[in-house]
Amino acid sequence: MGQPVEVRVFSTAPPYAFGLRVAGHAVQHKDRANPMPTVLRWRGYRFYFFSNEGYEPPHIHVDRGGNSVKYWLGPVRLARNFGFGPVELTVIERKVRQEETVFLERWNEHFGSNT
């Protein structure tokens, strides 16, 4: 294996998306018992979101084998990637595009449609 590589990700997400508290941004969600609802399992990938991220625009996280990626939805675009190579990202993004409607429906069911 090669040397570890530092990856810096610049995001268009608001500052509070990175765990900073912002007054007036209390997120209400329906399923407090499940902080990381899984939306889909496919070919070893887990597609999910965090219940405390309802203040962000709709998005989906995908994990597999210690790697993680996040895609914004509506339209689909890469938010951040930790570990997936370009070929695998292409496969994942294709699946996110195919399932985008389902992911948005599940997001709206969980957080409400006005997020």
C-alpha atoms as a PDB file:
ATOM      1  CA  MET A   1       0.000   0.000   0.000  1.00  0.00           C
ATOM      2  CA  GLY A   2       1.062   3.576  -0.620  1.00  0.00           C
ATOM      3  CA  GLN A   3       1.304   6.450   1.783  1.00  0.00           C
ATOM      4  CA  PRO A   4      -1.907   7.966   3.199  1.00  0.00           C
ATOM      5  CA  VAL A   5      -3.187  10.919   1.214  1.00  0.00           C
ATOM      6  CA  GLU A   6      -4.793  13.958   2.799  1.00  0.00           C
ATOM      7  CA  VAL A   7      -7.956  14.992   1.005  1.00  0.00           C
ATOM      8  CA  ARG A   8      -9.462  18.429   1.556  1.00  0.00           C
ATOM      9  CA  VAL A   9     -13.090  18.870   0.658  1.00  0.00           C
ATOM     10  CA  PHE A  10     -14.588  22.274   0.016  1.00  0.00           C
ATOM     11  CA  SER A  11     -18.324  22.248   0.468  1.00  0.00           C
ATOM     12  CA  THR A  12     -21.176  24.528  -0.417  1.00  0.00           C
ATOM     13  CA  ALA A  13     -22.978  23.323   2.705  1.00  0.00           C
ATOM     14  CA  PRO A  14     -23.750  25.953   5.342  1.00  0.00           C
ATOM     15  CA  PRO A  15     -21.364  26.225   8.329  1.00  0.00           C
ATOM     16  CA  TYR A  16     -23.807  24.519  10.676  1.00  0.00           C
ATOM     17  CA  ALA A  17     -23.632  21.427   8.455  1.00  0.00           C
ATOM     18  CA  PHE A  18     -20.303  20.678  10.095  1.00  0.00           C
ATOM     19  CA  GLY A  19     -21.651  20.403  13.619  1.00  0.00           C
ATOM     20  CA  LEU A  20     -21.717  24.076  14.546  1.00  0.00           C
ATOM     21  CA  ARG A  21     -24.839  25.109  16.423  1.00  0.00           C
ATOM     22  CA  VAL A  22     -26.913  27.851  14.867  1.00  0.00           C
ATOM     23  CA  ALA A  23     -29.715  29.461  16.850  1.00  0.00           C
ATOM     24  CA  GLY A  24     -33.172  28.603  15.574  1.00  0.00           C
ATOM     25  CA  HIS A  25     -32.179  25.455  13.710  1.00  0.00           C
ATOM     26  CA  ALA A  26     -33.824  22.752  15.774  1.00  0.00           C
ATOM     27  CA  VAL A  27     -34.594  19.894  13.415  1.00  0.00           C
ATOM     28  CA  GLN A  28     -37.683  17.832  14.071  1.00  0.00           C
ATOM     29  CA  HIS A  29     -37.867  14.367  12.610  1.00  0.00           C
ATOM     30  CA  LYS A  30     -40.381  11.595  13.003  1.00  0.00           C
ATOM     31  CA  ASP A  31     -38.078   8.677  13.826  1.00  0.00           C
ATOM     32  CA  ARG A  32     -36.002   9.622  16.856  1.00  0.00           C
ATOM     33  CA  ALA A  33     -35.289   5.947  17.567  1.00  0.00           C
ATOM     34  CA  ASN A  34     -33.223   5.537  14.381  1.00  0.00           C
ATOM     35  CA  PRO A  35     -30.494   8.176  14.047  1.00  0.00           C
ATOM     36  CA  MET A  36     -29.218   6.733  10.735  1.00  0.00           C
ATOM     37  CA  PRO A  37     -32.141   5.370   8.691  1.00  0.00           C
ATOM     38  CA  THR A  38     -31.046   2.998   5.939  1.00  0.00           C
ATOM     39  CA  VAL A  39     -32.885   3.736   2.712  1.00  0.00           C
ATOM     40  CA  LEU A  40     -31.323   1.042   0.517  1.00  0.00           C
ATOM     41  CA  ARG A  41     -28.830  -1.811   0.631  1.00  0.00           C
ATOM     42  CA  TRP A  42     -27.457  -2.730  -2.776  1.00  0.00           C
ATOM     43  CA  ARG A  43     -24.374  -4.785  -3.754  1.00  0.00           C
ATOM     44  CA  GLY A  44     -22.838  -4.290  -0.333  1.00  0.00           C
ATOM     45  CA  TYR A  45     -23.463  -0.533  -0.288  1.00  0.00           C
ATOM     46  CA  ARG A  46     -25.543   1.092   2.426  1.00  0.00           C
ATOM     47  CA  PHE A  47     -27.505   4.213   1.398  1.00  0.00           C
ATOM     48  CA  TYR A  48     -28.658   6.240   4.414  1.00  0.00           C
ATOM     49  CA  PHE A  49     -28.944   9.668   6.011  1.00  0.00           C
ATOM     50  CA  PHE A  50     -28.411  11.054   9.499  1.00  0.00           C
ATOM     51  CA  SER A  51     -31.493  12.120  11.422  1.00  0.00           C
ATOM     52  CA  ASN A  52     -29.724  15.236  12.719  1.00  0.00           C
ATOM     53  CA  GLU A  53     -29.009  16.606   9.237  1.00  0.00           C
ATOM     54  CA  GLY A  54     -32.481  17.819   8.329  1.00  0.00           C
ATOM     55  CA  TYR A  55     -31.238  21.417   8.269  1.00  0.00           C
ATOM     56  CA  GLU A  56     -29.134  20.567   5.197  1.00  0.00           C
ATOM     57  CA  PRO A  57     -30.488  20.230   1.664  1.00  0.00           C
ATOM     58  CA  PRO A  58     -31.623  16.666   0.857  1.00  0.00           C
ATOM     59  CA  HIS A  59     -28.716  14.277   0.425  1.00  0.00           C
ATOM     60  CA  ILE A  60     -27.731  10.631   0.783  1.00  0.00           C
ATOM     61  CA  HIS A  61     -24.681   8.981   2.356  1.00  0.00           C
ATOM     62  CA  VAL A  62     -23.252   5.754   0.922  1.00  0.00           C
ATOM     63  CA  ASP A  63     -20.828   3.476   2.776  1.00  0.00           C
ATOM     64  CA  ARG A  64     -19.028   0.279   1.877  1.00  0.00           C
ATOM     65  CA  GLY A  65     -15.861  -1.334   3.162  1.00  0.00           C
ATOM     66  CA  GLY A  66     -14.797   1.629   5.286  1.00  0.00           C
ATOM     67  CA  ASN A  67     -15.298   4.140   2.454  1.00  0.00           C
ATOM     68  CA  SER A  68     -17.955   6.848   2.491  1.00  0.00           C
ATOM     69  CA  VAL A  69     -19.454   9.294   0.017  1.00  0.00           C
ATOM     70  CA  LYS A  70     -22.193  11.908   0.221  1.00  0.00           C
ATOM     71  CA  TYR A  71     -24.358  13.115  -2.667  1.00  0.00           C
ATOM     72  CA  TRP A  72     -26.669  16.104  -2.725  1.00  0.00           C
ATOM     73  CA  LEU A  73     -30.052  15.310  -4.275  1.00  0.00           C
ATOM     74  CA  GLY A  74     -32.120  17.449  -6.632  1.00  0.00           C
ATOM     75  CA  PRO A  75     -29.925  17.588  -8.689  1.00  0.00           C
ATOM     76  CA  VAL A  76     -27.503  14.783  -7.872  1.00  0.00           C
ATOM     77  CA  ARG A  77     -23.985  16.075  -7.294  1.00  0.00           C
ATOM     78  CA  LEU A  78     -21.009  14.910  -5.260  1.00  0.00           C
ATOM     79  CA  ALA A  79     -20.702  16.586  -1.854  1.00  0.00           C
ATOM     80  CA  ARG A  80     -17.689  14.703  -0.460  1.00  0.00           C
ATOM     81  CA  ASN A  81     -15.820  11.443  -0.885  1.00  0.00           C
ATOM     82  CA  PHE A  82     -13.652   9.514   1.543  1.00  0.00           C
ATOM     83  CA  GLY A  83     -11.981   6.532  -0.077  1.00  0.00           C
ATOM     84  CA  PHE A  84     -13.957   5.514  -3.159  1.00  0.00           C
ATOM     85  CA  GLY A  85     -12.058   5.448  -6.451  1.00  0.00           C
ATOM     86  CA  PRO A  86     -13.329   7.046  -9.668  1.00  0.00           C
ATOM     87  CA  VAL A  87     -14.745   3.833 -11.173  1.00  0.00           C
ATOM     88  CA  GLU A  88     -16.659   2.971  -8.021  1.00  0.00           C
ATOM     89  CA  LEU A  89     -17.926   6.572  -7.716  1.00  0.00           C
ATOM     90  CA  THR A  90     -19.359   6.260 -11.221  1.00  0.00           C
ATOM     91  CA  VAL A  91     -21.251   3.108 -10.229  1.00  0.00           C
ATOM     92  CA  ILE A  92     -22.545   4.695  -7.020  1.00  0.00           C
ATOM     93  CA  GLU A  93     -23.568   7.947  -8.688  1.00  0.00           C
ATOM     94  CA  ARG A  94     -25.450   6.031 -11.385  1.00  0.00           C
ATOM     95  CA  LYS A  95     -27.392   4.199  -8.660  1.00  0.00           C
ATOM     96  CA  VAL A  96     -28.077   7.447  -6.767  1.00  0.00           C
ATOM     97  CA  ARG A  97     -29.480   8.960  -9.973  1.00  0.00           C
ATOM     98  CA  GLN A  98     -31.661   5.878 -10.549  1.00  0.00           C
ATOM     99  CA  GLU A  99     -33.016   5.972  -6.983  1.00  0.00           C
ATOM    100  CA  GLU A 100     -33.139   9.751  -6.496  1.00  0.00           C
ATOM    101  CA  THR A 101     -36.949   9.902  -6.398  1.00  0.00           C
ATOM    102  CA  VAL A 102     -37.107   7.210  -3.709  1.00  0.00           C
ATOM    103  CA  PHE A 103     -34.354   8.911  -1.698  1.00  0.00           C
ATOM    104  CA  LEU A 104     -36.185  12.253  -1.846  1.00  0.00           C
ATOM    105  CA  GLU A 105     -39.471  10.600  -0.827  1.00  0.00           C
ATOM    106  CA  ARG A 106     -37.804   8.946   2.164  1.00  0.00           C
ATOM    107  CA  TRP A 107     -36.070  12.230   3.111  1.00  0.00           C
ATOM    108  CA  ASN A 108     -39.407  14.074   3.008  1.00  0.00           C
ATOM    109  CA  GLU A 109     -41.143  11.335   5.013  1.00  0.00           C
ATOM    110  CA  HIS A 110     -38.461  11.603   7.689  1.00  0.00           C
ATOM    111  CA  PHE A 111     -37.926  15.363   7.895  1.00  0.00           C
ATOM    112  CA  GLY A 112     -41.051  16.752   6.227  1.00  0.00           C
ATOM    113  CA  SER A 113     -41.231  18.218   2.757  1.00  0.00           C
ATOM    114  CA  ASN A 114     -40.277  21.775   3.716  1.00  0.00           C
ATOM    115  CA  THR A 115     -36.585  21.102   4.493  1.00  0.00           C
END
